[in-house]
Amino acid sequence: MTKKRFFGTLAFVAAIFVAIVAVGQLWILNSEPYEIGRSAVATKLCVQADSVELKRLAPFEFNESGFSGRALFVLCAPQSACFTVVAKKNDGRWGVVDLIPRR
């Protein structure tokens, strides 16, 4: 394998990784669990919900069907307090199950 081909393959894999992360974050940002999680974190920290944002490049999980689903993602407030939001969908309704503090 030549250097040019190796670096081309490496760049392709990196581009695919970035695309997957970007699509996943857009999916979460436009989801019902994100808004519910934002409200829960804002209430817990006594801040405005608009100031709570998704932590970039943090691990996430999101799967949903008609009546069930599960979402895990990290939200942070301005003072750097971050929480892993655990949300579940039962009988077609999303709800925050747990807010786990992160360091």
N, C-alpha and C. Protein backbone atom coordinates (compact mmCIF):
# COMPACT_ATOMS: atom_id res chain seq x y z
N MET A 1 0.85 -1.18 0.00
CA MET A 1 0.00 0.00 0.00
C MET A 1 0.90 1.24 0.00
N THR A 2 0.61 2.15 -0.87
CA THR A 2 1.40 3.37 -0.96
C THR A 2 0.96 4.36 0.11
N LYS A 3 1.80 5.34 0.35
CA LYS A 3 1.48 6.38 1.34
C LYS A 3 0.23 7.14 0.93
N LYS A 4 0.14 7.44 -0.35
CA LYS A 4 -1.00 8.21 -0.85
C LYS A 4 -2.31 7.45 -0.61
N ARG A 5 -2.30 6.17 -0.89
CA ARG A 5 -3.50 5.36 -0.69
C ARG A 5 -3.83 5.21 0.80
N PHE A 6 -2.80 5.04 1.62
CA PHE A 6 -3.00 4.91 3.06
C PHE A 6 -3.65 6.17 3.63
N PHE A 7 -3.10 7.34 3.29
CA PHE A 7 -3.65 8.60 3.80
C PHE A 7 -5.03 8.89 3.22
N GLY A 8 -5.27 8.47 2.00
CA GLY A 8 -6.60 8.62 1.41
C GLY A 8 -7.63 7.78 2.14
N THR A 9 -7.25 6.55 2.47
CA THR A 9 -8.15 5.66 3.24
C THR A 9 -8.38 6.22 4.63
N LEU A 10 -7.33 6.70 5.27
CA LEU A 10 -7.44 7.29 6.60
C LEU A 10 -8.35 8.52 6.59
N ALA A 11 -8.22 9.37 5.58
CA ALA A 11 -9.07 10.55 5.47
C ALA A 11 -10.53 10.15 5.24
N PHE A 12 -10.75 9.12 4.44
CA PHE A 12 -12.12 8.64 4.19
C PHE A 12 -12.76 8.13 5.47
N VAL A 13 -12.03 7.33 6.24
CA VAL A 13 -12.56 6.80 7.51
C VAL A 13 -12.85 7.95 8.48
N ALA A 14 -11.97 8.92 8.55
CA ALA A 14 -12.19 10.07 9.43
C ALA A 14 -13.42 10.86 9.00
N ALA A 15 -13.61 11.04 7.70
CA ALA A 15 -14.78 11.77 7.20
C ALA A 15 -16.07 11.03 7.52
N ILE A 16 -16.07 9.71 7.40
CA ILE A 16 -17.25 8.91 7.74
C ILE A 16 -17.56 9.05 9.23
N PHE A 17 -16.54 9.00 10.07
CA PHE A 17 -16.73 9.14 11.52
C PHE A 17 -17.34 10.50 11.85
N VAL A 18 -16.81 11.56 11.27
CA VAL A 18 -17.33 12.92 11.51
C VAL A 18 -18.78 13.02 11.04
N ALA A 19 -19.09 12.43 9.90
CA ALA A 19 -20.46 12.47 9.38
C ALA A 19 -21.42 11.74 10.30
N ILE A 20 -21.03 10.59 10.81
CA ILE A 20 -21.89 9.83 11.73
C ILE A 20 -22.14 10.63 13.00
N VAL A 21 -21.11 11.22 13.56
CA VAL A 21 -21.26 12.02 14.78
C VAL A 21 -22.16 13.23 14.52
N ALA A 22 -21.97 13.91 13.40
CA ALA A 22 -22.77 15.09 13.08
C ALA A 22 -24.24 14.73 12.89
N VAL A 23 -24.51 13.66 12.18
CA VAL A 23 -25.91 13.24 11.97
C VAL A 23 -26.54 12.83 13.29
N GLY A 24 -25.79 12.12 14.12
CA GLY A 24 -26.31 11.71 15.44
C GLY A 24 -26.65 12.91 16.31
N GLN A 25 -25.77 13.90 16.31
CA GLN A 25 -26.04 15.08 17.13
C GLN A 25 -27.23 15.87 16.59
N LEU A 26 -27.36 15.98 15.29
CA LEU A 26 -28.54 16.64 14.72
C LEU A 26 -29.82 15.89 15.07
N TRP A 27 -29.74 14.59 15.04
CA TRP A 27 -30.90 13.76 15.39
C TRP A 27 -31.32 14.04 16.83
N ILE A 28 -30.36 14.10 17.74
CA ILE A 28 -30.68 14.36 19.14
C ILE A 28 -31.19 15.80 19.32
N LEU A 29 -30.53 16.76 18.69
CA LEU A 29 -30.93 18.17 18.84
C LEU A 29 -32.36 18.43 18.38
N ASN A 30 -32.86 17.62 17.48
CA ASN A 30 -34.22 17.80 16.96
C ASN A 30 -35.18 16.76 17.51
N SER A 31 -34.91 16.25 18.69
CA SER A 31 -35.75 15.20 19.26
C SER A 31 -36.49 15.69 20.51
N GLU A 32 -37.54 15.01 20.82
CA GLU A 32 -38.31 15.32 22.03
C GLU A 32 -37.51 15.07 23.30
N PRO A 33 -36.72 13.97 23.40
CA PRO A 33 -35.94 13.76 24.62
C PRO A 33 -34.95 14.89 24.91
N TYR A 34 -34.42 15.52 23.86
CA TYR A 34 -33.49 16.63 24.06
C TYR A 34 -34.18 17.79 24.79
N GLU A 35 -35.37 18.15 24.34
CA GLU A 35 -36.09 19.26 24.98
C GLU A 35 -36.50 18.90 26.41
N ILE A 36 -36.95 17.68 26.62
CA ILE A 36 -37.32 17.25 27.97
C ILE A 36 -36.09 17.23 28.87
N GLY A 37 -34.97 16.73 28.35
CA GLY A 37 -33.72 16.68 29.11
C GLY A 37 -33.22 18.07 29.45
N ARG A 38 -33.31 18.99 28.50
CA ARG A 38 -32.90 20.38 28.75
C ARG A 38 -33.69 20.98 29.89
N SER A 39 -35.00 20.76 29.87
CA SER A 39 -35.85 21.30 30.93
C SER A 39 -35.50 20.68 32.28
N ALA A 40 -35.23 19.38 32.30
CA ALA A 40 -34.90 18.70 33.55
C ALA A 40 -33.58 19.20 34.13
N VAL A 41 -32.56 19.36 33.28
CA VAL A 41 -31.26 19.86 33.74
C VAL A 41 -31.39 21.31 34.19
N ALA A 42 -32.12 22.13 33.46
CA ALA A 42 -32.31 23.53 33.82
C ALA A 42 -33.02 23.65 35.17
N THR A 43 -34.02 22.83 35.39
CA THR A 43 -34.74 22.84 36.67
C THR A 43 -33.82 22.42 37.81
N LYS A 44 -33.03 21.36 37.58
CA LYS A 44 -32.13 20.86 38.62
C LYS A 44 -31.09 21.91 39.00
N LEU A 45 -30.59 22.68 38.02
CA LEU A 45 -29.54 23.66 38.28
C LEU A 45 -30.07 25.08 38.48
N CYS A 46 -31.38 25.26 38.38
CA CYS A 46 -32.00 26.58 38.53
C CYS A 46 -31.43 27.59 37.53
N VAL A 47 -31.39 27.20 36.27
CA VAL A 47 -30.94 28.08 35.19
C VAL A 47 -31.99 28.07 34.09
N GLN A 48 -31.83 28.97 33.11
CA GLN A 48 -32.74 28.99 31.97
C GLN A 48 -32.46 27.79 31.07
N ALA A 49 -33.50 27.21 30.53
CA ALA A 49 -33.35 26.05 29.65
C ALA A 49 -32.54 26.38 28.40
N ASP A 50 -32.61 27.64 27.94
CA ASP A 50 -31.85 28.05 26.75
C ASP A 50 -30.34 27.99 26.97
N SER A 51 -29.90 28.03 28.22
CA SER A 51 -28.46 28.02 28.50
C SER A 51 -27.89 26.60 28.57
N VAL A 52 -28.73 25.59 28.58
CA VAL A 52 -28.30 24.19 28.64
C VAL A 52 -28.11 23.68 27.21
N GLU A 53 -26.93 23.11 26.94
CA GLU A 53 -26.62 22.68 25.58
C GLU A 53 -26.05 21.26 25.56
N LEU A 54 -26.14 20.65 24.40
CA LEU A 54 -25.57 19.33 24.17
C LEU A 54 -24.05 19.43 24.19
N LYS A 55 -23.40 18.51 24.90
CA LYS A 55 -21.94 18.48 24.92
C LYS A 55 -21.45 17.83 23.63
N ARG A 56 -20.67 18.56 22.89
CA ARG A 56 -20.15 18.06 21.61
C ARG A 56 -19.14 16.95 21.85
N LEU A 57 -19.16 15.99 20.98
CA LEU A 57 -18.24 14.85 20.99
C LEU A 57 -18.37 13.96 22.22
N ALA A 58 -19.45 14.11 22.97
CA ALA A 58 -19.71 13.20 24.09
C ALA A 58 -20.43 11.96 23.55
N PRO A 59 -20.29 10.84 24.20
CA PRO A 59 -21.00 9.64 23.72
C PRO A 59 -22.51 9.83 23.79
N PHE A 60 -23.21 9.21 22.87
CA PHE A 60 -24.66 9.29 22.86
C PHE A 60 -25.24 7.98 22.36
N GLU A 61 -26.51 7.78 22.68
CA GLU A 61 -27.25 6.62 22.19
C GLU A 61 -28.68 7.10 21.95
N PHE A 62 -29.26 6.68 20.85
CA PHE A 62 -30.63 7.08 20.56
C PHE A 62 -31.27 6.01 19.70
N ASN A 63 -32.34 5.41 20.20
CA ASN A 63 -33.12 4.50 19.37
C ASN A 63 -34.58 4.68 19.74
N GLU A 64 -35.43 4.57 18.73
CA GLU A 64 -36.85 4.85 18.93
C GLU A 64 -37.68 4.02 17.97
N SER A 65 -38.79 3.51 18.49
CA SER A 65 -39.80 2.89 17.64
C SER A 65 -41.12 3.58 17.97
N GLY A 66 -42.21 3.04 17.49
CA GLY A 66 -43.50 3.69 17.68
C GLY A 66 -43.88 3.94 19.12
N PHE A 67 -43.69 2.94 19.98
CA PHE A 67 -44.15 3.06 21.36
C PHE A 67 -43.06 2.93 22.40
N SER A 68 -41.83 2.71 21.98
CA SER A 68 -40.75 2.59 22.95
C SER A 68 -39.48 3.24 22.40
N GLY A 69 -38.55 3.50 23.29
CA GLY A 69 -37.29 4.10 22.88
C GLY A 69 -36.40 4.36 24.06
N ARG A 70 -35.16 4.70 23.76
CA ARG A 70 -34.17 4.99 24.80
C ARG A 70 -33.20 6.02 24.24
N ALA A 71 -32.84 6.98 25.06
CA ALA A 71 -31.89 8.00 24.66
C ALA A 71 -30.93 8.29 25.81
N LEU A 72 -29.65 8.37 25.48
CA LEU A 72 -28.61 8.76 26.43
C LEU A 72 -27.76 9.82 25.74
N PHE A 73 -27.59 10.95 26.41
CA PHE A 73 -26.75 12.02 25.87
C PHE A 73 -26.34 12.93 27.01
N VAL A 74 -25.37 13.80 26.76
CA VAL A 74 -24.82 14.66 27.81
C VAL A 74 -25.21 16.11 27.54
N LEU A 75 -25.77 16.73 28.57
CA LEU A 75 -26.11 18.16 28.52
C LEU A 75 -25.30 18.90 29.56
N CYS A 76 -24.85 20.10 29.20
CA CYS A 76 -24.05 20.93 30.10
C CYS A 76 -24.66 22.31 30.26
N ALA A 77 -24.52 22.85 31.45
CA ALA A 77 -24.98 24.20 31.76
C ALA A 77 -23.78 25.14 31.67
N PRO A 78 -24.01 26.45 31.68
CA PRO A 78 -22.92 27.41 31.51
C PRO A 78 -21.80 27.27 32.55
N GLN A 79 -22.12 26.90 33.77
CA GLN A 79 -21.09 26.80 34.80
C GLN A 79 -20.35 25.46 34.74
N SER A 80 -20.42 24.79 33.59
CA SER A 80 -19.72 23.54 33.30
C SER A 80 -20.26 22.33 34.07
N ALA A 81 -21.41 22.44 34.67
CA ALA A 81 -22.04 21.28 35.29
C ALA A 81 -22.68 20.46 34.17
N CYS A 82 -22.28 19.20 34.07
CA CYS A 82 -22.79 18.34 33.00
C CYS A 82 -23.52 17.14 33.60
N PHE A 83 -24.52 16.68 32.87
CA PHE A 83 -25.30 15.52 33.29
C PHE A 83 -25.53 14.60 32.09
N THR A 84 -25.44 13.31 32.35
CA THR A 84 -25.88 12.34 31.35
C THR A 84 -27.38 12.20 31.54
N VAL A 85 -28.12 12.45 30.49
CA VAL A 85 -29.58 12.35 30.53
C VAL A 85 -29.97 10.96 30.05
N VAL A 86 -30.75 10.27 30.87
CA VAL A 86 -31.28 8.96 30.50
C VAL A 86 -32.78 9.15 30.31
N ALA A 87 -33.22 9.01 29.07
CA ALA A 87 -34.65 9.18 28.76
C ALA A 87 -35.18 7.89 28.14
N LYS A 88 -36.42 7.58 28.48
CA LYS A 88 -37.06 6.39 27.92
C LYS A 88 -38.44 6.75 27.41
N LYS A 89 -38.85 6.02 26.40
CA LYS A 89 -40.18 6.20 25.82
C LYS A 89 -40.99 4.94 26.11
N ASN A 90 -42.07 5.12 26.84
CA ASN A 90 -42.97 4.02 27.16
C ASN A 90 -44.37 4.41 26.73
N ASP A 91 -45.03 3.51 26.02
CA ASP A 91 -46.38 3.76 25.53
C ASP A 91 -46.48 5.06 24.72
N GLY A 92 -45.44 5.36 23.98
CA GLY A 92 -45.46 6.53 23.09
C GLY A 92 -45.12 7.85 23.74
N ARG A 93 -44.75 7.85 25.03
CA ARG A 93 -44.44 9.11 25.73
C ARG A 93 -43.02 9.07 26.27
N TRP A 94 -42.26 10.13 25.99
CA TRP A 94 -40.90 10.25 26.49
C TRP A 94 -40.89 10.82 27.90
N GLY A 95 -39.93 10.38 28.69
CA GLY A 95 -39.74 10.92 30.02
C GLY A 95 -38.28 10.75 30.44
N VAL A 96 -37.79 11.67 31.25
CA VAL A 96 -36.43 11.57 31.78
C VAL A 96 -36.46 10.61 32.96
N VAL A 97 -35.65 9.58 32.89
CA VAL A 97 -35.58 8.56 33.94
C VAL A 97 -34.53 8.93 34.97
N ASP A 98 -33.40 9.48 34.50
CA ASP A 98 -32.30 9.79 35.43
C ASP A 98 -31.43 10.90 34.87
N LEU A 99 -30.85 11.68 35.76
CA LEU A 99 -29.84 12.67 35.43
C LEU A 99 -28.59 12.30 36.24
N ILE A 100 -27.55 11.86 35.55
CA ILE A 100 -26.35 11.39 36.21
C ILE A 100 -25.27 12.46 36.10
N PRO A 101 -24.80 13.01 37.23
CA PRO A 101 -23.75 14.04 37.18
C PRO A 101 -22.47 13.49 36.53
N ARG A 102 -21.81 14.33 35.74
CA ARG A 102 -20.55 13.97 35.09
C ARG A 102 -19.47 14.93 35.53
N ARG A 103 -18.27 14.48 35.47
CA ARG A 103 -17.14 15.36 35.81
C ARG A 103 -16.47 15.85 34.58
